[in-house]
């Protein structure tokens, strides 16, 4: 599938593209997901939280990119992915991320521990014990 370049924000203030993204059915966003996930590398960018909501609304289609991010060494990106995308997914989708979440929660790297990703992963996993 080709990426519709109109769906990729041009800068961190590109609210016009964010509004266009909000109007798209999730399946139209699939080819652009890798580029859209890059916009949550810094959740302080003005469009980042809106993009995170859009990514969470893509549901199952986002899982491949989420798994890739959770396997990186970019702790900030992983944290934003957990707090702003994964935590917003339905439980039946989060279960597909259980191996990655358990690794971070119970065998975190030093960086994951320092950045408290282990606590965030445990919080997300706790939804299965309720």
Protein backbone atom coordinates (compact mmCIF):
# COMPACT_ATOMS: atom_id res chain seq x y z
CA UNK A 1 0.00 0.00 0.00
CA UNK A 2 1.23 3.45 -0.85
CA UNK A 3 1.32 6.14 1.80
CA UNK A 4 -0.93 9.13 1.27
CA UNK A 5 1.63 11.86 2.03
CA UNK A 6 -1.19 14.24 2.99
CA UNK A 7 -1.62 12.11 6.13
CA UNK A 8 1.91 12.73 7.43
CA UNK A 9 2.32 15.90 9.53
CA UNK A 10 4.92 18.28 8.18
CA UNK A 11 5.90 19.78 11.54
CA UNK A 12 4.99 19.68 15.21
CA UNK A 13 2.38 22.41 14.71
CA UNK A 14 0.60 20.77 11.75
CA UNK A 15 -2.88 20.69 13.29
CA UNK A 16 -4.41 20.83 9.81
CA UNK A 17 -3.05 17.35 9.03
CA UNK A 18 -4.15 16.11 12.46
CA UNK A 19 -7.70 17.19 11.65
CA UNK A 20 -7.47 15.34 8.33
CA UNK A 21 -6.22 12.24 10.16
CA UNK A 22 -9.16 12.35 12.56
CA UNK A 23 -11.56 12.14 9.61
CA UNK A 24 -9.94 9.04 8.11
CA UNK A 25 -11.10 5.47 8.69
CA UNK A 26 -8.38 3.53 10.57
CA UNK A 27 -7.70 1.24 7.60
CA UNK A 28 -6.64 4.25 5.50
CA UNK A 29 -3.95 5.06 8.10
CA UNK A 30 -2.28 1.63 8.09
CA UNK A 31 0.45 2.47 5.53
CA UNK A 32 1.31 5.65 7.47
CA UNK A 33 1.48 4.08 10.95
CA UNK A 34 5.30 3.89 11.17
CA UNK A 35 5.60 7.60 10.33
CA UNK A 36 2.71 8.55 12.63
CA UNK A 37 4.25 6.71 15.58
CA UNK A 38 7.36 8.86 15.16
CA UNK A 39 5.24 11.85 16.19
CA UNK A 40 4.88 10.48 19.72
CA UNK A 41 8.63 10.27 20.31
CA UNK A 42 8.21 13.52 22.23
CA UNK A 43 4.76 13.78 23.77
CA UNK A 44 5.41 17.47 24.46
CA UNK A 45 5.16 18.32 20.77
CA UNK A 46 1.87 20.16 20.29
CA UNK A 47 0.33 17.51 17.98
CA UNK A 48 1.68 14.44 19.81
CA UNK A 49 -1.26 13.70 22.14
CA UNK A 50 -3.78 14.06 19.32
CA UNK A 51 -1.71 11.68 17.19
CA UNK A 52 -1.51 9.22 20.12
CA UNK A 53 -5.33 9.17 20.33
CA UNK A 54 -5.53 8.52 16.61
CA UNK A 55 -2.99 5.69 16.91
CA UNK A 56 -4.93 4.09 19.76
CA UNK A 57 -8.08 4.25 17.63
CA UNK A 58 -6.32 2.14 14.99
CA UNK A 59 -6.48 -0.78 17.40
CA UNK A 60 -5.04 -4.07 16.16
CA UNK A 61 -3.36 -2.38 13.21
CA UNK A 62 -1.10 -0.47 15.64
CA UNK A 63 0.22 -3.56 17.42
CA UNK A 64 3.12 -4.27 15.05
CA UNK A 65 4.50 -0.75 15.45
CA UNK A 66 3.96 -0.79 19.21
CA UNK A 67 5.94 -4.04 19.49
CA UNK A 68 8.77 -2.51 17.46
CA UNK A 69 8.88 0.55 19.72
CA UNK A 70 8.82 -1.54 22.90
CA UNK A 71 11.89 -3.41 21.63
CA UNK A 72 13.92 -0.22 21.05
CA UNK A 73 16.28 1.44 23.51
CA UNK A 74 14.41 4.74 23.29
CA UNK A 75 12.91 4.77 26.80
CA UNK A 76 11.06 8.05 26.34
CA UNK A 77 9.36 6.80 23.17
CA UNK A 78 8.44 3.55 24.92
CA UNK A 79 7.01 5.47 27.85
CA UNK A 80 4.84 7.68 25.65
CA UNK A 81 3.73 4.64 23.69
CA UNK A 82 2.70 2.89 26.93
CA UNK A 83 1.03 5.86 28.60
CA UNK A 84 -0.69 7.42 25.60
CA UNK A 85 -1.40 4.57 23.20
CA UNK A 86 -1.24 1.14 24.86
CA UNK A 87 -3.14 2.25 27.97
CA UNK A 88 -5.97 3.41 25.68
CA UNK A 89 -6.30 0.11 23.81
CA UNK A 90 -9.06 -2.38 24.64
CA UNK A 91 -7.99 -5.21 26.97
CA UNK A 92 -8.41 -7.82 24.23
CA UNK A 93 -5.69 -6.06 22.23
CA UNK A 94 -3.39 -5.39 25.17
CA UNK A 95 -3.24 -9.15 25.75
CA UNK A 96 -1.39 -9.42 22.42
CA UNK A 97 1.33 -7.20 23.93
CA UNK A 98 1.59 -9.23 27.12
CA UNK A 99 5.05 -10.76 26.39
CA UNK A 100 6.57 -7.34 25.71
CA UNK A 101 4.84 -5.79 28.72
CA UNK A 102 5.91 -8.61 31.04
CA UNK A 103 9.53 -8.29 29.92
CA UNK A 104 9.52 -4.57 30.71
CA UNK A 105 7.55 -5.06 33.94
CA UNK A 106 9.53 -7.94 35.43
CA UNK A 107 12.93 -7.92 33.68
CA UNK A 108 13.50 -4.27 32.81
CA UNK A 109 16.72 -2.93 31.41
CA UNK A 110 18.52 -0.35 33.50
CA UNK A 111 17.10 2.42 31.31
CA UNK A 112 13.56 1.05 31.58
CA UNK A 113 13.91 0.90 35.36
CA UNK A 114 15.35 4.44 35.62
CA UNK A 115 12.51 5.78 33.46
CA UNK A 116 9.91 3.81 35.43
CA UNK A 117 8.68 1.89 32.42
CA UNK A 118 8.49 -1.22 34.58
CA UNK A 119 5.91 0.46 36.83
CA UNK A 120 3.89 1.63 33.83
CA UNK A 121 3.96 -1.85 32.27
CA UNK A 122 2.84 -3.42 35.57
CA UNK A 123 0.00 -0.88 35.77
CA UNK A 124 -1.19 -1.83 32.29
CA UNK A 125 -0.86 -5.55 33.05
CA UNK A 126 -2.90 -5.09 36.24
CA UNK A 127 -6.00 -4.65 34.08
CA UNK A 128 -5.92 -8.43 33.57
CA UNK A 129 -6.15 -9.18 37.29
CA UNK A 130 -9.33 -7.11 37.77
